[in-house]
Amino acid sequence: MPDAGDIYLADVNDEIRRQVLVISNSRFHDLAERAFVLPSAPPRPYPWRIQHGDQTYAVDLLQTLSTDRLLEFVERVPQSVIRQARQAIRHISM
């Protein structure tokens, strides 16, 4: 079961495969059978874009996906990246 901080290759919008950063926890996934994810996106110098390695994840494109669409585990990010993403989400929602 995916958990916050996992990066997956996922089917996003019409079966376009893209890396996504999962920001919701496994308990939520068990109950809702969905996950909140940040899709990878082109790098931009915006505070709502999260950089990890050579990938950029777009907080402004936050979406939910069925957990069935999370196809392949890629890696896990450090907790600091999750904190950064959640701070950006709070900033955008204010």
PDB file of N, CA and C in Angstrom:
ATOM      1  N   MET A   1       0.847  -1.183   0.000  1.00  0.00           N
ATOM      2  CA  MET A   1       0.000   0.000   0.000  1.00  0.00           C
ATOM      3  C   MET A   1       0.889   1.241   0.000  1.00  0.00           C
ATOM      4  N   PRO A   2       0.621   2.200  -0.882  1.00  0.00           N
ATOM      5  CA  PRO A   2       1.420   3.424  -0.928  1.00  0.00           C
ATOM      6  C   PRO A   2       1.283   4.237   0.358  1.00  0.00           C
ATOM      7  N   ASP A   3       2.286   5.046   0.642  1.00  0.00           N
ATOM      8  CA  ASP A   3       2.263   5.899   1.818  1.00  0.00           C
ATOM      9  C   ASP A   3       2.849   7.258   1.454  1.00  0.00           C
ATOM     10  N   ALA A   4       2.654   8.231   2.321  1.00  0.00           N
ATOM     11  CA  ALA A   4       3.175   9.574   2.079  1.00  0.00           C
ATOM     12  C   ALA A   4       4.681   9.511   1.864  1.00  0.00           C
ATOM     13  N   GLY A   5       5.134  10.156   0.806  1.00  0.00           N
ATOM     14  CA  GLY A   5       6.559  10.184   0.494  1.00  0.00           C
ATOM     15  C   GLY A   5       6.975   9.198  -0.572  1.00  0.00           C
ATOM     16  N   ASP A   6       6.066   8.338  -0.991  1.00  0.00           N
ATOM     17  CA  ASP A   6       6.389   7.382  -2.051  1.00  0.00           C
ATOM     18  C   ASP A   6       6.241   8.051  -3.422  1.00  0.00           C
ATOM     19  N   ILE A   7       7.133   7.707  -4.308  1.00  0.00           N
ATOM     20  CA  ILE A   7       7.015   8.136  -5.693  1.00  0.00           C
ATOM     21  C   ILE A   7       6.625   6.913  -6.505  1.00  0.00           C
ATOM     22  N   TYR A   8       5.581   7.082  -7.305  1.00  0.00           N
ATOM     23  CA  TYR A   8       5.082   6.002  -8.150  1.00  0.00           C
ATOM     24  C   TYR A   8       5.023   6.460  -9.601  1.00  0.00           C
ATOM     25  N   LEU A   9       5.154   5.506 -10.486  1.00  0.00           N
ATOM     26  CA  LEU A   9       4.790   5.708 -11.882  1.00  0.00           C
ATOM     27  C   LEU A   9       3.296   5.434 -11.924  1.00  0.00           C
ATOM     28  N   ALA A  10       2.522   6.385 -12.457  1.00  0.00           N
ATOM     29  CA  ALA A  10       1.060   6.265 -12.401  1.00  0.00           C
ATOM     30  C   ALA A  10       0.436   6.614 -13.736  1.00  0.00           C
ATOM     31  N   ASP A  11      -0.765   6.082 -13.955  1.00  0.00           N
ATOM     32  CA  ASP A  11      -1.588   6.491 -15.097  1.00  0.00           C
ATOM     33  C   ASP A  11      -2.297   7.775 -14.700  1.00  0.00           C
ATOM     34  N   VAL A  12      -1.979   8.856 -15.392  1.00  0.00           N
ATOM     35  CA  VAL A  12      -2.560  10.162 -15.092  1.00  0.00           C
ATOM     36  C   VAL A  12      -3.266  10.664 -16.353  1.00  0.00           C
ATOM     37  N   ASN A  13      -4.536  10.951 -16.244  1.00  0.00           N
ATOM     38  CA  ASN A  13      -5.296  11.536 -17.358  1.00  0.00           C
ATOM     39  C   ASN A  13      -5.107  10.794 -18.669  1.00  0.00           C
ATOM     40  N   ASP A  14      -6.052   9.998 -19.018  1.00  0.00           N
ATOM     41  CA  ASP A  14      -6.040   9.260 -20.283  1.00  0.00           C
ATOM     42  C   ASP A  14      -4.821   8.360 -20.449  1.00  0.00           C
ATOM     43  N   GLU A  15      -4.434   7.737 -19.366  1.00  0.00           N
ATOM     44  CA  GLU A  15      -3.360   6.744 -19.362  1.00  0.00           C
ATOM     45  C   GLU A  15      -1.994   7.291 -19.765  1.00  0.00           C
ATOM     46  N   ILE A  16      -1.762   8.579 -19.509  1.00  0.00           N
ATOM     47  CA  ILE A  16      -0.416   9.126 -19.667  1.00  0.00           C
ATOM     48  C   ILE A  16       0.355   8.738 -18.419  1.00  0.00           C
ATOM     49  N   ARG A  17       1.461   8.038 -18.590  1.00  0.00           N
ATOM     50  CA  ARG A  17       2.234   7.602 -17.426  1.00  0.00           C
ATOM     51  C   ARG A  17       3.209   8.690 -17.018  1.00  0.00           C
ATOM     52  N   ARG A  18       3.203   8.964 -15.714  1.00  0.00           N
ATOM     53  CA  ARG A  18       4.027  10.036 -15.182  1.00  0.00           C
ATOM     54  C   ARG A  18       4.365   9.703 -13.733  1.00  0.00           C
ATOM     55  N   GLN A  19       5.488  10.205 -13.276  1.00  0.00           N
ATOM     56  CA  GLN A  19       5.816  10.028 -11.869  1.00  0.00           C
ATOM     57  C   GLN A  19       4.952  10.957 -11.031  1.00  0.00           C
ATOM     58  N   VAL A  20       4.490  10.440  -9.896  1.00  0.00           N
ATOM     59  CA  VAL A  20       3.714  11.233  -8.951  1.00  0.00           C
ATOM     60  C   VAL A  20       4.287  11.035  -7.557  1.00  0.00           C
ATOM     61  N   LEU A  21       4.206  12.083  -6.756  1.00  0.00           N
ATOM     62  CA  LEU A  21       4.622  12.031  -5.361  1.00  0.00           C
ATOM     63  C   LEU A  21       3.357  11.908  -4.513  1.00  0.00           C
ATOM     64  N   VAL A  22       3.251  10.821  -3.765  1.00  0.00           N
ATOM     65  CA  VAL A  22       2.084  10.581  -2.902  1.00  0.00           C
ATOM     66  C   VAL A  22       2.253  11.415  -1.640  1.00  0.00           C
ATOM     67  N   ILE A  23       1.219  12.198  -1.292  1.00  0.00           N
ATOM     68  CA  ILE A  23       1.312  13.003  -0.074  1.00  0.00           C
ATOM     69  C   ILE A  23       0.280  12.623   0.983  1.00  0.00           C
ATOM     70  N   SER A  24      -0.649  11.762   0.654  1.00  0.00           N
ATOM     71  CA  SER A  24      -1.605  11.268   1.646  1.00  0.00           C
ATOM     72  C   SER A  24      -1.057   9.984   2.265  1.00  0.00           C
ATOM     73  N   ASN A  25      -1.610   9.633   3.427  1.00  0.00           N
ATOM     74  CA  ASN A  25      -1.076   8.459   4.130  1.00  0.00           C
ATOM     75  C   ASN A  25      -1.860   7.177   3.822  1.00  0.00           C
ATOM     76  N   SER A  26      -1.288   6.068   4.219  1.00  0.00           N
ATOM     77  CA  SER A  26      -1.868   4.759   3.887  1.00  0.00           C
ATOM     78  C   SER A  26      -3.243   4.552   4.531  1.00  0.00           C
ATOM     79  N   ARG A  27      -3.479   5.138   5.694  1.00  0.00           N
ATOM     80  CA  ARG A  27      -4.805   4.997   6.323  1.00  0.00           C
ATOM     81  C   ARG A  27      -5.878   5.628   5.439  1.00  0.00           C
ATOM     82  N   PHE A  28      -5.585   6.818   4.897  1.00  0.00           N
ATOM     83  CA  PHE A  28      -6.512   7.465   3.970  1.00  0.00           C
ATOM     84  C   PHE A  28      -6.750   6.572   2.760  1.00  0.00           C
ATOM     85  N   HIS A  29      -5.698   5.966   2.225  1.00  0.00           N
ATOM     86  CA  HIS A  29      -5.813   5.110   1.039  1.00  0.00           C
ATOM     87  C   HIS A  29      -6.695   3.902   1.322  1.00  0.00           C
ATOM     88  N   ASP A  30      -6.544   3.331   2.506  1.00  0.00           N
ATOM     89  CA  ASP A  30      -7.381   2.186   2.879  1.00  0.00           C
ATOM     90  C   ASP A  30      -8.866   2.563   2.913  1.00  0.00           C
ATOM     91  N   LEU A  31      -9.165   3.736   3.443  1.00  0.00           N
ATOM     92  CA  LEU A  31     -10.557   4.159   3.584  1.00  0.00           C
ATOM     93  C   LEU A  31     -11.161   4.656   2.270  1.00  0.00           C
ATOM     94  N   ALA A  32     -10.392   5.430   1.502  1.00  0.00           N
ATOM     95  CA  ALA A  32     -10.948   6.086   0.318  1.00  0.00           C
ATOM     96  C   ALA A  32     -10.608   5.377  -0.996  1.00  0.00           C
ATOM     97  N   GLU A  33      -9.634   4.487  -0.961  1.00  0.00           N
ATOM     98  CA  GLU A  33      -9.129   3.825  -2.169  1.00  0.00           C
ATOM     99  C   GLU A  33      -8.660   4.851  -3.203  1.00  0.00           C
ATOM    100  N   ARG A  34      -8.213   6.002  -2.701  1.00  0.00           N
ATOM    101  CA  ARG A  34      -7.660   7.081  -3.528  1.00  0.00           C
ATOM    102  C   ARG A  34      -6.421   7.612  -2.828  1.00  0.00           C
ATOM    103  N   ALA A  35      -5.612   8.352  -3.569  1.00  0.00           N
ATOM    104  CA  ALA A  35      -4.413   8.967  -3.005  1.00  0.00           C
ATOM    105  C   ALA A  35      -4.300  10.395  -3.518  1.00  0.00           C
ATOM    106  N   PHE A  36      -3.894  11.313  -2.636  1.00  0.00           N
ATOM    107  CA  PHE A  36      -3.552  12.661  -3.063  1.00  0.00           C
ATOM    108  C   PHE A  36      -2.127  12.613  -3.593  1.00  0.00           C
ATOM    109  N   VAL A  37      -1.935  13.122  -4.802  1.00  0.00           N
ATOM    110  CA  VAL A  37      -0.621  13.056  -5.443  1.00  0.00           C
ATOM    111  C   VAL A  37      -0.257  14.398  -6.075  1.00  0.00           C
ATOM    112  N   LEU A  38       1.049  14.600  -6.210  1.00  0.00           N
ATOM    113  CA  LEU A  38       1.598  15.735  -6.944  1.00  0.00           C
ATOM    114  C   LEU A  38       2.251  15.165  -8.189  1.00  0.00           C
ATOM    115  N   PRO A  39       1.770  15.508  -9.379  1.00  0.00           N
ATOM    116  CA  PRO A  39       2.381  14.975 -10.598  1.00  0.00           C
ATOM    117  C   PRO A  39       3.705  15.672 -10.906  1.00  0.00           C
ATOM    118  N   SER A  40       4.580  14.962 -11.596  1.00  0.00           N
ATOM    119  CA  SER A  40       5.813  15.592 -12.053  1.00  0.00           C
ATOM    120  C   SER A  40       5.448  16.617 -13.119  1.00  0.00           C
ATOM    121  N   ALA A  41       6.264  17.654 -13.209  1.00  0.00           N
ATOM    122  CA  ALA A  41       5.978  18.764 -14.123  1.00  0.00           C
ATOM    123  C   ALA A  41       7.288  19.426 -14.515  1.00  0.00           C
ATOM    124  N   PRO A  42       7.268  20.257 -15.540  1.00  0.00           N
ATOM    125  CA  PRO A  42       8.486  20.987 -15.906  1.00  0.00           C
ATOM    126  C   PRO A  42       8.937  21.883 -14.752  1.00  0.00           C
ATOM    127  N   PRO A  43      10.233  22.006 -14.561  1.00  0.00           N
ATOM    128  CA  PRO A  43      10.718  22.863 -13.465  1.00  0.00           C
ATOM    129  C   PRO A  43      10.366  24.330 -13.715  1.00  0.00           C
ATOM    130  N   ARG A  44       9.904  24.975 -12.682  1.00  0.00           N
ATOM    131  CA  ARG A  44       9.594  26.405 -12.711  1.00  0.00           C
ATOM    132  C   ARG A  44      10.088  26.994 -11.389  1.00  0.00           C
ATOM    133  N   PRO A  45      10.459  28.241 -11.364  1.00  0.00           N
ATOM    134  CA  PRO A  45      10.959  28.840 -10.115  1.00  0.00           C
ATOM    135  C   PRO A  45       9.834  29.327  -9.200  1.00  0.00           C
ATOM    136  N   TYR A  46       8.792  28.534  -9.041  1.00  0.00           N
ATOM    137  CA  TYR A  46       7.664  28.906  -8.208  1.00  0.00           C
ATOM    138  C   TYR A  46       7.788  28.222  -6.847  1.00  0.00           C
ATOM    139  N   PRO A  47       7.290  28.858  -5.794  1.00  0.00           N
ATOM    140  CA  PRO A  47       7.376  28.226  -4.465  1.00  0.00           C
ATOM    141  C   PRO A  47       6.491  26.993  -4.329  1.00  0.00           C
ATOM    142  N   TRP A  48       5.564  26.791  -5.266  1.00  0.00           N
ATOM    143  CA  TRP A  48       4.683  25.624  -5.192  1.00  0.00           C
ATOM    144  C   TRP A  48       5.170  24.486  -6.086  1.00  0.00           C
ATOM    145  N   ARG A  49       6.403  24.529  -6.516  1.00  0.00           N
ATOM    146  CA  ARG A  49       7.026  23.411  -7.228  1.00  0.00           C
ATOM    147  C   ARG A  49       8.081  22.824  -6.303  1.00  0.00           C
ATOM    148  N   ILE A  50       8.030  21.531  -6.089  1.00  0.00           N
ATOM    149  CA  ILE A  50       8.909  20.822  -5.160  1.00  0.00           C
ATOM    150  C   ILE A  50       9.936  20.053  -5.958  1.00  0.00           C
ATOM    151  N   GLN A  51      11.191  20.273  -5.658  1.00  0.00           N
ATOM    152  CA  GLN A  51      12.282  19.603  -6.358  1.00  0.00           C
ATOM    153  C   GLN A  51      12.786  18.423  -5.520  1.00  0.00           C
ATOM    154  N   HIS A  52      12.949  17.282  -6.181  1.00  0.00           N
ATOM    155  CA  HIS A  52      13.591  16.120  -5.554  1.00  0.00           C
ATOM    156  C   HIS A  52      14.423  15.443  -6.632  1.00  0.00           C
ATOM    157  N   GLY A  53      15.720  15.424  -6.441  1.00  0.00           N
ATOM    158  CA  GLY A  53      16.598  14.857  -7.464  1.00  0.00           C
ATOM    159  C   GLY A  53      16.441  15.645  -8.749  1.00  0.00           C
ATOM    160  N   ASP A  54      16.253  14.952  -9.852  1.00  0.00           N
ATOM    161  CA  ASP A  54      16.082  15.633 -11.141  1.00  0.00           C
ATOM    162  C   ASP A  54      14.615  15.828 -11.516  1.00  0.00           C
ATOM    163  N   GLN A  55      13.699  15.530 -10.599  1.00  0.00           N
ATOM    164  CA  GLN A  55      12.266  15.677 -10.856  1.00  0.00           C
ATOM    165  C   GLN A  55      11.694  16.874 -10.098  1.00  0.00           C
ATOM    166  N   THR A  56      10.706  17.500 -10.688  1.00  0.00           N
ATOM    167  CA  THR A  56       9.961  18.578 -10.051  1.00  0.00           C
ATOM    168  C   THR A  56       8.507  18.119  -9.941  1.00  0.00           C
ATOM    169  N   TYR A  57       7.905  18.332  -8.770  1.00  0.00           N
ATOM    170  CA  TYR A  57       6.522  17.934  -8.535  1.00  0.00           C
ATOM    171  C   TYR A  57       5.680  19.190  -8.304  1.00  0.00           C
ATOM    172  N   ALA A  58       4.517  19.256  -8.947  1.00  0.00           N
ATOM    173  CA  ALA A  58       3.696  20.460  -8.990  1.00  0.00           C
ATOM    174  C   ALA A  58       2.606  20.433  -7.927  1.00  0.00           C
ATOM    175  N   VAL A  59       2.789  21.231  -6.880  1.00  0.00           N
ATOM    176  CA  VAL A  59       1.782  21.343  -5.832  1.00  0.00           C
ATOM    177  C   VAL A  59       0.524  22.005  -6.392  1.00  0.00           C
ATOM    178  N   ASP A  60       0.694  22.908  -7.350  1.00  0.00           N
ATOM    179  CA  ASP A  60      -0.459  23.582  -7.943  1.00  0.00           C
ATOM    180  C   ASP A  60      -1.300  22.645  -8.813  1.00  0.00           C
ATOM    181  N   LEU A  61      -0.811  21.448  -9.091  1.00  0.00           N
ATOM    182  CA  LEU A  61      -1.568  20.451  -9.859  1.00  0.00           C
ATOM    183  C   LEU A  61      -2.004  19.274  -8.983  1.00  0.00           C
ATOM    184  N   LEU A  62      -2.094  19.515  -7.676  1.00  0.00           N
ATOM    185  CA  LEU A  62      -2.535  18.496  -6.720  1.00  0.00           C
ATOM    186  C   LEU A  62      -3.812  17.839  -7.226  1.00  0.00           C
ATOM    187  N   GLN A  63      -3.861  16.507  -7.160  1.00  0.00           N
ATOM    188  CA  GLN A  63      -5.048  15.776  -7.595  1.00  0.00           C
ATOM    189  C   GLN A  63      -5.167  14.485  -6.814  1.00  0.00           C
ATOM    190  N   THR A  64      -6.310  13.830  -6.961  1.00  0.00           N
ATOM    191  CA  THR A  64      -6.462  12.503  -6.392  1.00  0.00           C
ATOM    192  C   THR A  64      -6.496  11.495  -7.526  1.00  0.00           C
ATOM    193  N   LEU A  65      -5.973  10.327  -7.211  1.00  0.00           N
ATOM    194  CA  LEU A  65      -6.009   9.202  -8.151  1.00  0.00           C
ATOM    195  C   LEU A  65      -6.499   7.980  -7.415  1.00  0.00           C
ATOM    196  N   SER A  66      -7.163   7.111  -8.119  1.00  0.00           N
ATOM    197  CA  SER A  66      -7.479   5.807  -7.560  1.00  0.00           C
ATOM    198  C   SER A  66      -6.157   5.091  -7.278  1.00  0.00           C
ATOM    199  N   THR A  67      -6.073   4.404  -6.167  1.00  0.00           N
ATOM    200  CA  THR A  67      -4.832   3.692  -5.850  1.00  0.00           C
ATOM    201  C   THR A  67      -4.523   2.619  -6.889  1.00  0.00           C
ATOM    202  N   ASP A  68      -5.525   2.187  -7.665  1.00  0.00           N
ATOM    203  CA  ASP A  68      -5.296   1.224  -8.752  1.00  0.00           C
ATOM    204  C   ASP A  68      -4.414   1.813  -9.848  1.00  0.00           C
ATOM    205  N   ARG A  69      -4.395   3.134  -9.951  1.00  0.00           N
ATOM    206  CA  ARG A  69      -3.631   3.792 -11.019  1.00  0.00           C
ATOM    207  C   ARG A  69      -2.176   4.052 -10.639  1.00  0.00           C
ATOM    208  N   LEU A  70      -1.810   3.732  -9.393  1.00  0.00           N
ATOM    209  CA  LEU A  70      -0.413   3.805  -8.973  1.00  0.00           C
ATOM    210  C   LEU A  70       0.233   2.483  -9.378  1.00  0.00           C
ATOM    211  N   LEU A  71       0.994   2.496 -10.448  1.00  0.00           N
ATOM    212  CA  LEU A  71       1.422   1.262 -11.105  1.00  0.00           C
ATOM    213  C   LEU A  71       2.704   0.666 -10.573  1.00  0.00           C
ATOM    214  N   GLU A  72       3.720   1.482 -10.391  1.00  0.00           N
ATOM    215  CA  GLU A  72       5.038   0.939 -10.067  1.00  0.00           C
ATOM    216  C   GLU A  72       5.754   1.858  -9.084  1.00  0.00           C
ATOM    217  N   PHE A  73       6.190   1.297  -7.949  1.00  0.00           N
ATOM    218  CA  PHE A  73       6.942   2.067  -6.955  1.00  0.00           C
ATOM    219  C   PHE A  73       8.299   2.431  -7.544  1.00  0.00           C
ATOM    220  N   VAL A  74       8.700   3.699  -7.380  1.00  0.00           N
ATOM    221  CA  VAL A  74       9.986   4.166  -7.896  1.00  0.00           C
ATOM    222  C   VAL A  74      10.979   4.369  -6.760  1.00  0.00           C
ATOM    223  N   GLU A  75      10.606   5.174  -5.773  1.00  0.00           N
ATOM    224  CA  GLU A  75      11.482   5.441  -4.626  1.00  0.00           C
ATOM    225  C   GLU A  75      10.693   6.156  -3.546  1.00  0.00           C
ATOM    226  N   ARG A  76      11.367   6.441  -2.451  1.00  0.00           N
ATOM    227  CA  ARG A  76      10.767   7.163  -1.324  1.00  0.00           C
ATOM    228  C   ARG A  76      11.578   8.433  -1.090  1.00  0.00           C
ATOM    229  N   VAL A  77      10.883   9.551  -0.867  1.00  0.00           N
ATOM    230  CA  VAL A  77      11.560  10.820  -0.618  1.00  0.00           C
ATOM    231  C   VAL A  77      11.754  11.011   0.883  1.00  0.00           C
ATOM    232  N   PRO A  78      12.714  11.849   1.279  1.00  0.00           N
ATOM    233  CA  PRO A  78      12.879  12.157   2.705  1.00  0.00           C
ATOM    234  C   PRO A  78      11.681  12.924   3.260  1.00  0.00           C
ATOM    235  N   GLN A  79      11.507  12.855   4.557  1.00  0.00           N
ATOM    236  CA  GLN A  79      10.394  13.541   5.225  1.00  0.00           C
ATOM    237  C   GLN A  79      10.435  15.043   4.976  1.00  0.00           C
ATOM    238  N   SER A  80      11.605  15.611   4.798  1.00  0.00           N
ATOM    239  CA  SER A  80      11.721  17.057   4.552  1.00  0.00           C
ATOM    240  C   SER A  80      11.015  17.461   3.252  1.00  0.00           C
ATOM    241  N   VAL A  81      11.000  16.600   2.262  1.00  0.00           N
ATOM    242  CA  VAL A  81      10.317  16.896   0.998  1.00  0.00           C
ATOM    243  C   VAL A  81       8.802  16.900   1.219  1.00  0.00           C
ATOM    244  N   ILE A  82       8.304  15.967   1.999  1.00  0.00           N
ATOM    245  CA  ILE A  82       6.869  15.923   2.313  1.00  0.00           C
ATOM    246  C   ILE A  82       6.467  17.172   3.097  1.00  0.00           C
ATOM    247  N   ARG A  83       7.294  17.577   4.080  1.00  0.00           N
ATOM    248  CA  ARG A  83       7.004  18.798   4.836  1.00  0.00           C
ATOM    249  C   ARG A  83       6.942  20.005   3.908  1.00  0.00           C
ATOM    250  N   GLN A  84       7.886  20.099   2.987  1.00  0.00           N
ATOM    251  CA  GLN A  84       7.924  21.199   2.029  1.00  0.00           C
ATOM    252  C   GLN A  84       6.653  21.209   1.170  1.00  0.00           C
ATOM    253  N   ALA A  85       6.221  20.047   0.710  1.00  0.00           N
ATOM    254  CA  ALA A  85       5.006  19.950  -0.111  1.00  0.00           C
ATOM    255  C   ALA A  85       3.780  20.361   0.686  1.00  0.00           C
ATOM    256  N   ARG A  86       3.668  19.921   1.921  1.00  0.00           N
ATOM    257  CA  ARG A  86       2.503  20.261   2.739  1.00  0.00           C
ATOM    258  C   ARG A  86       2.481  21.750   3.087  1.00  0.00           C
ATOM    259  N   GLN A  87       3.647  22.348   3.301  1.00  0.00           N
ATOM    260  CA  GLN A  87       3.709  23.793   3.542  1.00  0.00           C
ATOM    261  C   GLN A  87       3.241  24.553   2.306  1.00  0.00           C
ATOM    262  N   ALA A  88       3.661  24.103   1.124  1.00  0.00           N
ATOM    263  CA  ALA A  88       3.243  24.751  -0.124  1.00  0.00           C
ATOM    264  C   ALA A  88       1.731  24.634  -0.315  1.00  0.00           C
ATOM    265  N   ILE A  89       1.151  23.487   0.025  1.00  0.00           N
ATOM    266  CA  ILE A  89      -0.294  23.295  -0.090  1.00  0.00           C
ATOM    267  C   ILE A  89      -1.024  24.259   0.842  1.00  0.00           C
ATOM    268  N   ARG A  90      -0.547  24.382   2.066  1.00  0.00           N
ATOM    269  CA  ARG A  90      -1.164  25.318   3.013  1.00  0.00           C
ATOM    270  C   ARG A  90      -1.051  26.750   2.492  1.00  0.00           C
ATOM    271  N   HIS A  91       0.076  27.096   1.913  1.00  0.00           N
ATOM    272  CA  HIS A  91       0.295  28.439   1.394  1.00  0.00           C
ATOM    273  C   HIS A  91      -0.672  28.743   0.240  1.00  0.00           C
ATOM    274  N   ILE A  92      -0.844  27.787  -0.649  1.00  0.00           N
ATOM    275  CA  ILE A  92      -1.741  27.980  -1.796  1.00  0.00           C
ATOM    276  C   ILE A  92      -3.194  28.099  -1.348  1.00  0.00           C
ATOM    277  N   SER A  93      -3.581  27.327  -0.335  1.00  0.00           N
ATOM    278  CA  SER A  93      -4.989  27.287   0.072  1.00  0.00           C
ATOM    279  C   SER A  93      -5.408  28.479   0.933  1.00  0.00           C
ATOM    280  N   MET A  94      -4.484  29.331   1.297  1.00  0.00           N
ATOM    281  CA  MET A  94      -4.853  30.498   2.135  1.00  0.00           C
ATOM    282  C   MET A  94      -5.422  31.608   1.326  1.00  0.00           C
TER     283      MET A  94
END
